[in-house]
Amino acid sequence: MTRTLLIVDDEPEIRAEMAEYLEGKGYRVEQAADGCEAFDKFEAIAPDAVVTDLKMPRCDGFELIRRLRVARPSLPIVAIAGTYSHEDLDRAGEFGAQVIMRKPIKLSELAEKLRGLLDPEEA
């Protein structure tokens, strides 16, 4: 069964790099540039997990995580943080991100975290 991921980041190069790597790991990947676009895609594609940057214009990752938790409480969410304080990282966890990673991330580590969230018996 192919799992679908939604990758959300306002930096196209980072988004594309994550998507290409995760597609190589067998995932189907959709992309969005901010939280508002991501929530629209979430409703259309019902992804198995979401990977989101926290700092984005228009609708940031915190707002996206909050909206996703209301819509689907059990959805696996990985938050990626660049220049955030410990309080912000704690807030991402309180909003519902199960995994929080700091940029720059290792793509192999991201894939491992996703496997653990989506298929815990195989991790």
PDB file of N, CA and C in Angstrom:
ATOM      1  N   MET A   1       0.833  -1.182   0.000  1.00  0.00           N
ATOM      2  CA  MET A   1       0.000   0.000   0.000  1.00  0.00           C
ATOM      3  C   MET A   1       0.880   1.248   0.000  1.00  0.00           C
ATOM      4  N   THR A   2       0.673   2.115  -0.963  1.00  0.00           N
ATOM      5  CA  THR A   2       1.445   3.342  -1.053  1.00  0.00           C
ATOM      6  C   THR A   2       0.848   4.397  -0.132  1.00  0.00           C
ATOM      7  N   ARG A   3       1.673   4.945   0.719  1.00  0.00           N
ATOM      8  CA  ARG A   3       1.247   6.000   1.645  1.00  0.00           C
ATOM      9  C   ARG A   3       1.393   7.362   0.971  1.00  0.00           C
ATOM     10  N   THR A   4       0.473   8.264   1.277  1.00  0.00           N
ATOM     11  CA  THR A   4       0.515   9.610   0.733  1.00  0.00           C
ATOM     12  C   THR A   4       0.955  10.587   1.811  1.00  0.00           C
ATOM     13  N   LEU A   5       1.929  11.426   1.458  1.00  0.00           N
ATOM     14  CA  LEU A   5       2.433  12.450   2.359  1.00  0.00           C
ATOM     15  C   LEU A   5       2.117  13.825   1.790  1.00  0.00           C
ATOM     16  N   LEU A   6       1.916  14.782   2.683  1.00  0.00           N
ATOM     17  CA  LEU A   6       1.779  16.179   2.293  1.00  0.00           C
ATOM     18  C   LEU A   6       2.958  16.931   2.888  1.00  0.00           C
ATOM     19  N   ILE A   7       3.798  17.497   2.010  1.00  0.00           N
ATOM     20  CA  ILE A   7       4.985  18.250   2.419  1.00  0.00           C
ATOM     21  C   ILE A   7       4.661  19.736   2.295  1.00  0.00           C
ATOM     22  N   VAL A   8       4.869  20.480   3.389  1.00  0.00           N
ATOM     23  CA  VAL A   8       4.507  21.893   3.414  1.00  0.00           C
ATOM     24  C   VAL A   8       5.734  22.728   3.801  1.00  0.00           C
ATOM     25  N   ASP A   9       6.166  23.579   2.880  1.00  0.00           N
ATOM     26  CA  ASP A   9       7.298  24.467   3.150  1.00  0.00           C
ATOM     27  C   ASP A   9       7.228  25.599   2.139  1.00  0.00           C
ATOM     28  N   ASP A  10       7.503  26.818   2.579  1.00  0.00           N
ATOM     29  CA  ASP A  10       7.450  27.959   1.672  1.00  0.00           C
ATOM     30  C   ASP A  10       8.689  28.067   0.791  1.00  0.00           C
ATOM     31  N   GLU A  11       9.697  27.257   1.051  1.00  0.00           N
ATOM     32  CA  GLU A  11      10.896  27.257   0.213  1.00  0.00           C
ATOM     33  C   GLU A  11      10.797  26.118  -0.805  1.00  0.00           C
ATOM     34  N   PRO A  12      10.571  26.453  -2.086  1.00  0.00           N
ATOM     35  CA  PRO A  12      10.349  25.426  -3.109  1.00  0.00           C
ATOM     36  C   PRO A  12      11.463  24.396  -3.221  1.00  0.00           C
ATOM     37  N   GLU A  13      12.725  24.835  -3.054  1.00  0.00           N
ATOM     38  CA  GLU A  13      13.851  23.905  -3.196  1.00  0.00           C
ATOM     39  C   GLU A  13      13.832  22.857  -2.079  1.00  0.00           C
ATOM     40  N   ILE A  14      13.561  23.293  -0.868  1.00  0.00           N
ATOM     41  CA  ILE A  14      13.515  22.369   0.266  1.00  0.00           C
ATOM     42  C   ILE A  14      12.355  21.394   0.086  1.00  0.00           C
ATOM     43  N   ARG A  15      11.206  21.922  -0.294  1.00  0.00           N
ATOM     44  CA  ARG A  15      10.022  21.094  -0.523  1.00  0.00           C
ATOM     45  C   ARG A  15      10.294  20.044  -1.596  1.00  0.00           C
ATOM     46  N   ALA A  16      10.893  20.470  -2.698  1.00  0.00           N
ATOM     47  CA  ALA A  16      11.178  19.556  -3.810  1.00  0.00           C
ATOM     48  C   ALA A  16      12.191  18.498  -3.414  1.00  0.00           C
ATOM     49  N   GLU A  17      13.202  18.888  -2.644  1.00  0.00           N
ATOM     50  CA  GLU A  17      14.218  17.931  -2.207  1.00  0.00           C
ATOM     51  C   GLU A  17      13.597  16.860  -1.297  1.00  0.00           C
ATOM     52  N   MET A  18      12.762  17.291  -0.363  1.00  0.00           N
ATOM     53  CA  MET A  18      12.091  16.320   0.516  1.00  0.00           C
ATOM     54  C   MET A  18      11.182  15.400  -0.297  1.00  0.00           C
ATOM     55  N   ALA A  19      10.424  15.999  -1.212  1.00  0.00           N
ATOM     56  CA  ALA A  19       9.493  15.213  -2.025  1.00  0.00           C
ATOM     57  C   ALA A  19      10.229  14.167  -2.858  1.00  0.00           C
ATOM     58  N   GLU A  20      11.303  14.571  -3.516  1.00  0.00           N
ATOM     59  CA  GLU A  20      12.056  13.641  -4.356  1.00  0.00           C
ATOM     60  C   GLU A  20      12.618  12.483  -3.526  1.00  0.00           C
ATOM     61  N   TYR A  21      13.185  12.813  -2.372  1.00  0.00           N
ATOM     62  CA  TYR A  21      13.762  11.773  -1.514  1.00  0.00           C
ATOM     63  C   TYR A  21      12.678  10.805  -1.037  1.00  0.00           C
ATOM     64  N   LEU A  22      11.567  11.345  -0.571  1.00  0.00           N
ATOM     65  CA  LEU A  22      10.510  10.488  -0.025  1.00  0.00           C
ATOM     66  C   LEU A  22       9.791   9.688  -1.116  1.00  0.00           C
ATOM     67  N   GLU A  23       9.689  10.251  -2.319  1.00  0.00           N
ATOM     68  CA  GLU A  23       9.155   9.477  -3.442  1.00  0.00           C
ATOM     69  C   GLU A  23      10.069   8.294  -3.739  1.00  0.00           C
ATOM     70  N   GLY A  24      11.370   8.508  -3.614  1.00  0.00           N
ATOM     71  CA  GLY A  24      12.333   7.428  -3.798  1.00  0.00           C
ATOM     72  C   GLY A  24      12.200   6.335  -2.752  1.00  0.00           C
ATOM     73  N   LYS A  25      11.598   6.668  -1.620  1.00  0.00           N
ATOM     74  CA  LYS A  25      11.339   5.691  -0.551  1.00  0.00           C
ATOM     75  C   LYS A  25       9.976   5.026  -0.706  1.00  0.00           C
ATOM     76  N   GLY A  26       9.274   5.344  -1.806  1.00  0.00           N
ATOM     77  CA  GLY A  26       8.017   4.673  -2.097  1.00  0.00           C
ATOM     78  C   GLY A  26       6.755   5.419  -1.700  1.00  0.00           C
ATOM     79  N   TYR A  27       6.892   6.640  -1.212  1.00  0.00           N
ATOM     80  CA  TYR A  27       5.721   7.433  -0.849  1.00  0.00           C
ATOM     81  C   TYR A  27       5.180   8.185  -2.055  1.00  0.00           C
ATOM     82  N   ARG A  28       3.896   8.437  -2.049  1.00  0.00           N
ATOM     83  CA  ARG A  28       3.276   9.382  -2.981  1.00  0.00           C
ATOM     84  C   ARG A  28       3.299  10.717  -2.255  1.00  0.00           C
ATOM     85  N   VAL A  29       3.804  11.769  -2.897  1.00  0.00           N
ATOM     86  CA  VAL A  29       4.000  13.045  -2.212  1.00  0.00           C
ATOM     87  C   VAL A  29       3.267  14.175  -2.918  1.00  0.00           C
ATOM     88  N   GLU A  30       2.513  14.923  -2.139  1.00  0.00           N
ATOM     89  CA  GLU A  30       1.890  16.164  -2.582  1.00  0.00           C
ATOM     90  C   GLU A  30       2.608  17.298  -1.866  1.00  0.00           C
ATOM     91  N   GLN A  31       2.596  18.485  -2.466  1.00  0.00           N
ATOM     92  CA  GLN A  31       3.320  19.620  -1.886  1.00  0.00           C
ATOM     93  C   GLN A  31       2.409  20.833  -1.756  1.00  0.00           C
ATOM     94  N   ALA A  32       2.728  21.673  -0.751  1.00  0.00           N
ATOM     95  CA  ALA A  32       2.028  22.943  -0.559  1.00  0.00           C
ATOM     96  C   ALA A  32       3.025  23.981  -0.057  1.00  0.00           C
ATOM     97  N   ALA A  33       2.780  25.256  -0.405  1.00  0.00           N
ATOM     98  CA  ALA A  33       3.709  26.339  -0.077  1.00  0.00           C
ATOM     99  C   ALA A  33       3.416  27.018   1.256  1.00  0.00           C
ATOM    100  N   ASP A  34       2.228  26.805   1.819  1.00  0.00           N
ATOM    101  CA  ASP A  34       1.907  27.380   3.124  1.00  0.00           C
ATOM    102  C   ASP A  34       0.752  26.594   3.744  1.00  0.00           C
ATOM    103  N   GLY A  35       0.424  26.948   4.967  1.00  0.00           N
ATOM    104  CA  GLY A  35      -0.589  26.202   5.694  1.00  0.00           C
ATOM    105  C   GLY A  35      -1.974  26.271   5.092  1.00  0.00           C
ATOM    106  N   CYS A  36      -2.329  27.401   4.503  1.00  0.00           N
ATOM    107  CA  CYS A  36      -3.665  27.532   3.893  1.00  0.00           C
ATOM    108  C   CYS A  36      -3.797  26.616   2.681  1.00  0.00           C
ATOM    109  N   GLU A  37      -2.798  26.648   1.809  1.00  0.00           N
ATOM    110  CA  GLU A  37      -2.799  25.757   0.642  1.00  0.00           C
ATOM    111  C   GLU A  37      -2.765  24.296   1.104  1.00  0.00           C
ATOM    112  N   ALA A  38      -1.993  24.036   2.148  1.00  0.00           N
ATOM    113  CA  ALA A  38      -1.872  22.667   2.661  1.00  0.00           C
ATOM    114  C   ALA A  38      -3.197  22.153   3.187  1.00  0.00           C
ATOM    115  N   PHE A  39      -3.938  22.988   3.901  1.00  0.00           N
ATOM    116  CA  PHE A  39      -5.212  22.512   4.451  1.00  0.00           C
ATOM    117  C   PHE A  39      -6.202  22.205   3.332  1.00  0.00           C
ATOM    118  N   ASP A  40      -6.206  23.012   2.281  1.00  0.00           N
ATOM    119  CA  ASP A  40      -7.063  22.724   1.127  1.00  0.00           C
ATOM    120  C   ASP A  40      -6.685  21.381   0.501  1.00  0.00           C
ATOM    121  N   LYS A  41      -5.378  21.136   0.347  1.00  0.00           N
ATOM    122  CA  LYS A  41      -4.927  19.861  -0.227  1.00  0.00           C
ATOM    123  C   LYS A  41      -5.234  18.706   0.726  1.00  0.00           C
ATOM    124  N   PHE A  42      -5.066  18.930   2.015  1.00  0.00           N
ATOM    125  CA  PHE A  42      -5.375  17.913   3.022  1.00  0.00           C
ATOM    126  C   PHE A  42      -6.814  17.431   2.852  1.00  0.00           C
ATOM    127  N   GLU A  43      -7.733  18.363   2.705  1.00  0.00           N
ATOM    128  CA  GLU A  43      -9.136  17.987   2.544  1.00  0.00           C
ATOM    129  C   GLU A  43      -9.379  17.225   1.246  1.00  0.00           C
ATOM    130  N   ALA A  44      -8.614  17.539   0.202  1.00  0.00           N
ATOM    131  CA  ALA A  44      -8.798  16.895  -1.101  1.00  0.00           C
ATOM    132  C   ALA A  44      -8.149  15.517  -1.188  1.00  0.00           C
ATOM    133  N   ILE A  45      -6.985  15.341  -0.560  1.00  0.00           N
ATOM    134  CA  ILE A  45      -6.238  14.090  -0.766  1.00  0.00           C
ATOM    135  C   ILE A  45      -6.200  13.165   0.446  1.00  0.00           C
ATOM    136  N   ALA A  46      -6.572  13.659   1.635  1.00  0.00           N
ATOM    137  CA  ALA A  46      -6.545  12.849   2.865  1.00  0.00           C
ATOM    138  C   ALA A  46      -5.209  12.111   3.020  1.00  0.00           C
ATOM    139  N   PRO A  47      -4.107  12.848   3.222  1.00  0.00           N
ATOM    140  CA  PRO A  47      -2.796  12.201   3.328  1.00  0.00           C
ATOM    141  C   PRO A  47      -2.675  11.335   4.577  1.00  0.00           C
ATOM    142  N   ASP A  48      -1.730  10.413   4.525  1.00  0.00           N
ATOM    143  CA  ASP A  48      -1.463   9.539   5.672  1.00  0.00           C
ATOM    144  C   ASP A  48      -0.619  10.242   6.726  1.00  0.00           C
ATOM    145  N   ALA A  49       0.134  11.276   6.327  1.00  0.00           N
ATOM    146  CA  ALA A  49       0.958  12.052   7.254  1.00  0.00           C
ATOM    147  C   ALA A  49       1.270  13.402   6.622  1.00  0.00           C
ATOM    148  N   VAL A  50       1.605  14.371   7.492  1.00  0.00           N
ATOM    149  CA  VAL A  50       1.965  15.711   7.034  1.00  0.00           C
ATOM    150  C   VAL A  50       3.320  16.074   7.621  1.00  0.00           C
ATOM    151  N   VAL A  51       4.185  16.648   6.769  1.00  0.00           N
ATOM    152  CA  VAL A  51       5.466  17.196   7.196  1.00  0.00           C
ATOM    153  C   VAL A  51       5.378  18.686   6.919  1.00  0.00           C
ATOM    154  N   THR A  52       5.474  19.508   7.969  1.00  0.00           N
ATOM    155  CA  THR A  52       5.314  20.943   7.770  1.00  0.00           C
ATOM    156  C   THR A  52       6.402  21.775   8.429  1.00  0.00           C
ATOM    157  N   ASP A  53       6.818  22.789   7.699  1.00  0.00           N
ATOM    158  CA  ASP A  53       7.669  23.813   8.271  1.00  0.00           C
ATOM    159  C   ASP A  53       6.799  24.595   9.245  1.00  0.00           C
ATOM    160  N   LEU A  54       7.403  25.242  10.220  1.00  0.00           N
ATOM    161  CA  LEU A  54       6.628  26.043  11.159  1.00  0.00           C
ATOM    162  C   LEU A  54       6.522  27.499  10.717  1.00  0.00           C
ATOM    163  N   LYS A  55       7.595  28.041  10.173  1.00  0.00           N
ATOM    164  CA  LYS A  55       7.606  29.456   9.810  1.00  0.00           C
ATOM    165  C   LYS A  55       7.320  29.629   8.324  1.00  0.00           C
ATOM    166  N   MET A  56       6.103  30.122   8.034  1.00  0.00           N
ATOM    167  CA  MET A  56       5.689  30.358   6.651  1.00  0.00           C
ATOM    168  C   MET A  56       4.788  31.584   6.625  1.00  0.00           C
ATOM    169  N   PRO A  57       4.753  32.282   5.498  1.00  0.00           N
ATOM    170  CA  PRO A  57       3.851  33.439   5.406  1.00  0.00           C
ATOM    171  C   PRO A  57       2.388  32.991   5.299  1.00  0.00           C
ATOM    172  N   ARG A  58       1.498  33.911   5.465  1.00  0.00           N
ATOM    173  CA  ARG A  58       0.055  33.734   5.309  1.00  0.00           C
ATOM    174  C   ARG A  58      -0.527  32.834   6.377  1.00  0.00           C
ATOM    175  N   CYS A  59      -0.196  31.577   6.388  1.00  0.00           N
ATOM    176  CA  CYS A  59      -0.741  30.616   7.353  1.00  0.00           C
ATOM    177  C   CYS A  59       0.422  29.718   7.772  1.00  0.00           C
ATOM    178  N   ASP A  60       0.912  29.906   8.995  1.00  0.00           N
ATOM    179  CA  ASP A  60       2.119  29.192   9.417  1.00  0.00           C
ATOM    180  C   ASP A  60       1.833  27.751   9.847  1.00  0.00           C
ATOM    181  N   GLY A  61       2.904  27.062  10.199  1.00  0.00           N
ATOM    182  CA  GLY A  61       2.784  25.661  10.587  1.00  0.00           C
ATOM    183  C   GLY A  61       2.004  25.447  11.867  1.00  0.00           C
ATOM    184  N   PHE A  62       2.083  26.397  12.799  1.00  0.00           N
ATOM    185  CA  PHE A  62       1.317  26.268  14.045  1.00  0.00           C
ATOM    186  C   PHE A  62      -0.184  26.247  13.750  1.00  0.00           C
ATOM    187  N   GLU A  63      -0.632  27.180  12.911  1.00  0.00           N
ATOM    188  CA  GLU A  63      -2.052  27.249  12.539  1.00  0.00           C
ATOM    189  C   GLU A  63      -2.455  25.994  11.780  1.00  0.00           C
ATOM    190  N   LEU A  64      -1.599  25.529  10.881  1.00  0.00           N
ATOM    191  CA  LEU A  64      -1.905  24.310  10.128  1.00  0.00           C
ATOM    192  C   LEU A  64      -2.056  23.122  11.072  1.00  0.00           C
ATOM    193  N   ILE A  65      -1.106  22.954  11.986  1.00  0.00           N
ATOM    194  CA  ILE A  65      -1.176  21.829  12.928  1.00  0.00           C
ATOM    195  C   ILE A  65      -2.462  21.900  13.741  1.00  0.00           C
ATOM    196  N   ARG A  66      -2.806  23.087  14.221  1.00  0.00           N
ATOM    197  CA  ARG A  66      -4.036  23.260  14.997  1.00  0.00           C
ATOM    198  C   ARG A  66      -5.261  22.834  14.181  1.00  0.00           C
ATOM    199  N   ARG A  67      -5.327  23.272  12.932  1.00  0.00           N
ATOM    200  CA  ARG A  67      -6.467  22.931  12.068  1.00  0.00           C
ATOM    201  C   ARG A  67      -6.499  21.431  11.738  1.00  0.00           C
ATOM    202  N   LEU A  68      -5.328  20.848  11.505  1.00  0.00           N
ATOM    203  CA  LEU A  68      -5.273  19.415  11.202  1.00  0.00           C
ATOM    204  C   LEU A  68      -5.733  18.585  12.396  1.00  0.00           C
ATOM    205  N   ARG A  69      -5.344  18.978  13.596  1.00  0.00           N
ATOM    206  CA  ARG A  69      -5.733  18.248  14.806  1.00  0.00           C
ATOM    207  C   ARG A  69      -7.246  18.259  15.005  1.00  0.00           C
ATOM    208  N   VAL A  70      -7.888  19.378  14.664  1.00  0.00           N
ATOM    209  CA  VAL A  70      -9.349  19.455  14.763  1.00  0.00           C
ATOM    210  C   VAL A  70      -9.985  18.543  13.714  1.00  0.00           C
ATOM    211  N   ALA A  71      -9.454  18.587  12.501  1.00  0.00           N
ATOM    212  CA  ALA A  71     -10.021  17.811  11.397  1.00  0.00           C
ATOM    213  C   ALA A  71      -9.778  16.312  11.533  1.00  0.00           C
ATOM    214  N   ARG A  72      -8.577  15.938  11.981  1.00  0.00           N
ATOM    215  CA  ARG A  72      -8.228  14.511  12.095  1.00  0.00           C
ATOM    216  C   ARG A  72      -7.234  14.325  13.230  1.00  0.00           C
ATOM    217  N   PRO A  73      -7.724  14.122  14.447  1.00  0.00           N
ATOM    218  CA  PRO A  73      -6.870  14.072  15.633  1.00  0.00           C
ATOM    219  C   PRO A  73      -5.722  13.065  15.582  1.00  0.00           C
ATOM    220  N   SER A  74      -5.880  11.978  14.863  1.00  0.00           N
ATOM    221  CA  SER A  74      -4.849  10.930  14.862  1.00  0.00           C
ATOM    222  C   SER A  74      -3.811  11.077  13.740  1.00  0.00           C
ATOM    223  N   LEU A  75      -3.909  12.113  12.925  1.00  0.00           N
ATOM    224  CA  LEU A  75      -2.999  12.289  11.797  1.00  0.00           C
ATOM    225  C   LEU A  75      -1.552  12.447  12.261  1.00  0.00           C
ATOM    226  N   PRO A  76      -0.617  11.644  11.748  1.00  0.00           N
ATOM    227  CA  PRO A  76       0.797  11.829  12.068  1.00  0.00           C
ATOM    228  C   PRO A  76       1.320  13.145  11.473  1.00  0.00           C
ATOM    229  N   ILE A  77       1.954  13.956  12.323  1.00  0.00           N
ATOM    230  CA  ILE A  77       2.478  15.252  11.893  1.00  0.00           C
ATOM    231  C   ILE A  77       3.927  15.396  12.345  1.00  0.00           C
ATOM    232  N   VAL A  78       4.786  15.768  11.385  1.00  0.00           N
ATOM    233  CA  VAL A  78       6.177  16.091  11.671  1.00  0.00           C
ATOM    234  C   VAL A  78       6.344  17.588  11.430  1.00  0.00           C
ATOM    235  N   ALA A  79       6.821  18.302  12.435  1.00  0.00           N
ATOM    236  CA  ALA A  79       7.086  19.735  12.307  1.00  0.00           C
ATOM    237  C   ALA A  79       8.578  19.950  12.121  1.00  0.00           C
ATOM    238  N   ILE A  80       8.912  20.867  11.219  1.00  0.00           N
ATOM    239  CA  ILE A  80      10.310  21.190  10.955  1.00  0.00           C
ATOM    240  C   ILE A  80      10.530  22.657  11.310  1.00  0.00           C
ATOM    241  N   ALA A  81      11.508  22.888  12.166  1.00  0.00           N
ATOM    242  CA  ALA A  81      11.750  24.237  12.671  1.00  0.00           C
ATOM    243  C   ALA A  81      13.123  24.739  12.268  1.00  0.00           C
ATOM    244  N   GLY A  82      13.164  25.979  11.843  1.00  0.00           N
ATOM    245  CA  GLY A  82      14.437  26.613  11.528  1.00  0.00           C
ATOM    246  C   GLY A  82      14.951  27.403  12.713  1.00  0.00           C
ATOM    247  N   THR A  83      14.473  28.610  12.871  1.00  0.00           N
ATOM    248  CA  THR A  83      14.986  29.521  13.899  1.00  0.00           C
ATOM    249  C   THR A  83      13.936  29.784  14.976  1.00  0.00           C
ATOM    250  N   TYR A  84      13.581  28.760  15.693  1.00  0.00           N
ATOM    251  CA  TYR A  84      12.575  28.912  16.747  1.00  0.00           C
ATOM    252  C   TYR A  84      13.173  28.695  18.118  1.00  0.00           C
ATOM    253  N   SER A  85      12.554  29.321  19.108  1.00  0.00           N
ATOM    254  CA  SER A  85      12.967  29.167  20.498  1.00  0.00           C
ATOM    255  C   SER A  85      12.444  27.836  21.046  1.00  0.00           C
ATOM    256  N   HIS A  86      12.932  27.459  22.213  1.00  0.00           N
ATOM    257  CA  HIS A  86      12.444  26.238  22.860  1.00  0.00           C
ATOM    258  C   HIS A  86      10.953  26.338  23.146  1.00  0.00           C
ATOM    259  N   GLU A  87      10.472  27.530  23.477  1.00  0.00           N
ATOM    260  CA  GLU A  87       9.040  27.715  23.741  1.00  0.00           C
ATOM    261  C   GLU A  87       8.212  27.427  22.499  1.00  0.00           C
ATOM    262  N   ASP A  88       8.710  27.890  21.343  1.00  0.00           N
ATOM    263  CA  ASP A  88       7.994  27.632  20.092  1.00  0.00           C
ATOM    264  C   ASP A  88       7.975  26.141  19.773  1.00  0.00           C
ATOM    265  N   LEU A  89       9.095  25.483  20.011  1.00  0.00           N
ATOM    266  CA  LEU A  89       9.151  24.047  19.750  1.00  0.00           C
ATOM    267  C   LEU A  89       8.205  23.302  20.686  1.00  0.00           C
ATOM    268  N   ASP A  90       8.157  23.731  21.947  1.00  0.00           N
ATOM    269  CA  ASP A  90       7.208  23.135  22.892  1.00  0.00           C
ATOM    270  C   ASP A  90       5.782  23.370  22.422  1.00  0.00           C
ATOM    271  N   ARG A  91       5.518  24.566  21.906  1.00  0.00           N
ATOM    272  CA  ARG A  91       4.173  24.894  21.437  1.00  0.00           C
ATOM    273  C   ARG A  91       3.776  24.000  20.258  1.00  0.00           C
ATOM    274  N   ALA A  92       4.712  23.713  19.363  1.00  0.00           N
ATOM    275  CA  ALA A  92       4.416  22.821  18.232  1.00  0.00           C
ATOM    276  C   ALA A  92       3.995  21.454  18.755  1.00  0.00           C
ATOM    277  N   GLY A  93       4.664  20.974  19.796  1.00  0.00           N
ATOM    278  CA  GLY A  93       4.286  19.704  20.405  1.00  0.00           C
ATOM    279  C   GLY A  93       2.932  19.785  21.081  1.00  0.00           C
ATOM    280  N   GLU A  94       2.668  20.881  21.753  1.00  0.00           N
ATOM    281  CA  GLU A  94       1.371  21.059  22.409  1.00  0.00           C
ATOM    282  C   GLU A  94       0.239  21.134  21.390  1.00  0.00           C
ATOM    283  N   PHE A  95       0.515  21.711  20.221  1.00  0.00           N
ATOM    284  CA  PHE A  95      -0.496  21.807  19.169  1.00  0.00           C
ATOM    285  C   PHE A  95      -0.771  20.432  18.557  1.00  0.00           C
ATOM    286  N   GLY A  96       0.200  19.518  18.666  1.00  0.00           N
ATOM    287  CA  GLY A  96      -0.060  18.175  18.181  1.00  0.00           C
ATOM    288  C   GLY A  96       0.957  17.552  17.253  1.00  0.00           C
ATOM    289  N   ALA A  97       2.112  18.179  17.059  1.00  0.00           N
ATOM    290  CA  ALA A  97       3.154  17.540  16.245  1.00  0.00           C
ATOM    291  C   ALA A  97       3.790  16.419  17.061  1.00  0.00           C
ATOM    292  N   GLN A  98       3.815  15.203  16.518  1.00  0.00           N
ATOM    293  CA  GLN A  98       4.422  14.087  17.236  1.00  0.00           C
ATOM    294  C   GLN A  98       5.944  14.119  17.168  1.00  0.00           C
ATOM    295  N   VAL A  99       6.477  14.650  16.066  1.00  0.00           N
ATOM    296  CA  VAL A  99       7.925  14.727  15.876  1.00  0.00           C
ATOM    297  C   VAL A  99       8.265  16.157  15.495  1.00  0.00           C
ATOM    298  N   ILE A 100       9.314  16.699  16.126  1.00  0.00           N
ATOM    299  CA  ILE A 100       9.791  18.038  15.798  1.00  0.00           C
ATOM    300  C   ILE A 100      11.268  17.920  15.450  1.00  0.00           C
ATOM    301  N   MET A 101      11.621  18.374  14.252  1.00  0.00           N
ATOM    302  CA  MET A 101      12.998  18.299  13.780  1.00  0.00           C
ATOM    303  C   MET A 101      13.493  19.712  13.501  1.00  0.00           C
ATOM    304  N   ARG A 102      14.786  19.930  13.750  1.00  0.00           N
ATOM    305  CA  ARG A 102      15.397  21.232  13.475  1.00  0.00           C
ATOM    306  C   ARG A 102      16.102  21.213  12.115  1.00  0.00           C
ATOM    307  N   LYS A 103      15.947  22.318  11.381  1.00  0.00           N
ATOM    308  CA  LYS A 103      16.671  22.477  10.112  1.00  0.00           C
ATOM    309  C   LYS A 103      18.138  22.753  10.422  1.00  0.00           C
ATOM    310  N   PRO A 104      19.047  22.297   9.585  1.00  0.00           N
ATOM    311  CA  PRO A 104      18.792  21.447   8.425  1.00  0.00           C
ATOM    312  C   PRO A 104      18.528  20.014   8.861  1.00  0.00           C
ATOM    313  N   ILE A 105      17.556  19.397   8.222  1.00  0.00           N
ATOM    314  CA  ILE A 105      17.210  18.028   8.596  1.00  0.00           C
ATOM    315  C   ILE A 105      17.975  17.041   7.723  1.00  0.00           C
ATOM    316  N   LYS A 106      18.147  15.842   8.245  1.00  0.00           N
ATOM    317  CA  LYS A 106      18.699  14.744   7.456  1.00  0.00           C
ATOM    318  C   LYS A 106      17.502  14.006   6.872  1.00  0.00           C
ATOM    319  N   LEU A 107      17.474  13.879   5.558  1.00  0.00           N
ATOM    320  CA  LEU A 107      16.333  13.240   4.906  1.00  0.00           C
ATOM    321  C   LEU A 107      16.168  11.791   5.334  1.00  0.00           C
ATOM    322  N   SER A 108      17.275  11.110   5.573  1.00  0.00           N
ATOM    323  CA  SER A 108      17.184   9.717   6.029  1.00  0.00           C
ATOM    324  C   SER A 108      16.517   9.654   7.404  1.00  0.00           C
ATOM    325  N   GLU A 109      16.805  10.629   8.262  1.00  0.00           N
ATOM    326  CA  GLU A 109      16.181  10.671   9.584  1.00  0.00           C
ATOM    327  C   GLU A 109      14.685  10.984   9.466  1.00  0.00           C
ATOM    328  N   LEU A 110      14.330  11.881   8.558  1.00  0.00           N
ATOM    329  CA  LEU A 110      12.919  12.181   8.319  1.00  0.00           C
ATOM    330  C   LEU A 110      12.176  10.924   7.866  1.00  0.00           C
ATOM    331  N   ALA A 111      12.755  10.192   6.929  1.00  0.00           N
ATOM    332  CA  ALA A 111      12.120   8.963   6.440  1.00  0.00           C
ATOM    333  C   ALA A 111      11.956   7.949   7.576  1.00  0.00           C
ATOM    334  N   GLU A 112      12.957   7.862   8.435  1.00  0.00           N
ATOM    335  CA  GLU A 112      12.888   6.946   9.581  1.00  0.00           C
ATOM    336  C   GLU A 112      11.775   7.355  10.547  1.00  0.00           C
ATOM    337  N   LYS A 113      11.666   8.651  10.814  1.00  0.00           N
ATOM    338  CA  LYS A 113      10.611   9.145  11.715  1.00  0.00           C
ATOM    339  C   LYS A 113       9.229   8.876  11.123  1.00  0.00           C
ATOM    340  N   LEU A 114       9.084   9.098   9.831  1.00  0.00           N
ATOM    341  CA  LEU A 114       7.796   8.837   9.181  1.00  0.00           C
ATOM    342  C   LEU A 114       7.448   7.359   9.233  1.00  0.00           C
ATOM    343  N   ARG A 115       8.422   6.508   8.986  1.00  0.00           N
ATOM    344  CA  ARG A 115       8.179   5.063   9.059  1.00  0.00           C
ATOM    345  C   ARG A 115       7.721   4.685  10.460  1.00  0.00           C
ATOM    346  N   GLY A 116       8.342   5.271  11.483  1.00  0.00           N
ATOM    347  CA  GLY A 116       7.952   4.998  12.858  1.00  0.00           C
ATOM    348  C   GLY A 116       6.541   5.451  13.178  1.00  0.00           C
ATOM    349  N   LEU A 117       6.125   6.578  12.598  1.00  0.00           N
ATOM    350  CA  LEU A 117       4.764   7.075  12.823  1.00  0.00           C
ATOM    351  C   LEU A 117       3.725   6.277  12.051  1.00  0.00           C
ATOM    352  N   LEU A 118       4.062   5.917  10.817  1.00  0.00           N
ATOM    353  CA  LEU A 118       3.082   5.254   9.946  1.00  0.00           C
ATOM    354  C   LEU A 118       3.042   3.742  10.117  1.00  0.00           C
ATOM    355  N   ASP A 119       4.175   3.135  10.397  1.00  0.00           N
ATOM    356  CA  ASP A 119       4.268   1.682  10.529  1.00  0.00           C
ATOM    357  C   ASP A 119       5.100   1.328  11.743  1.00  0.00           C
ATOM    358  N   PRO A 120       4.597   1.599  12.954  1.00  0.00           N
ATOM    359  CA  PRO A 120       5.408   1.413  14.152  1.00  0.00           C
ATOM    360  C   PRO A 120       5.918  -0.017  14.344  1.00  0.00           C
ATOM    361  N   GLU A 121       5.195  -1.004  13.852  1.00  0.00           N
ATOM    362  CA  GLU A 121       5.648  -2.388  14.018  1.00  0.00           C
ATOM    363  C   GLU A 121       6.851  -2.708  13.155  1.00  0.00           C
ATOM    364  N   GLU A 122       7.102  -1.895  12.118  1.00  0.00           N
ATOM    365  CA  GLU A 122       8.244  -2.114  11.225  1.00  0.00           C
ATOM    366  C   GLU A 122       9.443  -1.251  11.594  1.00  0.00           C
ATOM    367  N   ALA A 123       9.242  -0.257  12.453  1.00  0.00           N
ATOM    368  CA  ALA A 123      10.328   0.677  12.800  1.00  0.00           C
ATOM    369  C   ALA A 123      11.307   0.072  13.766  1.00  0.00           C
TER     370      ALA A 123
END
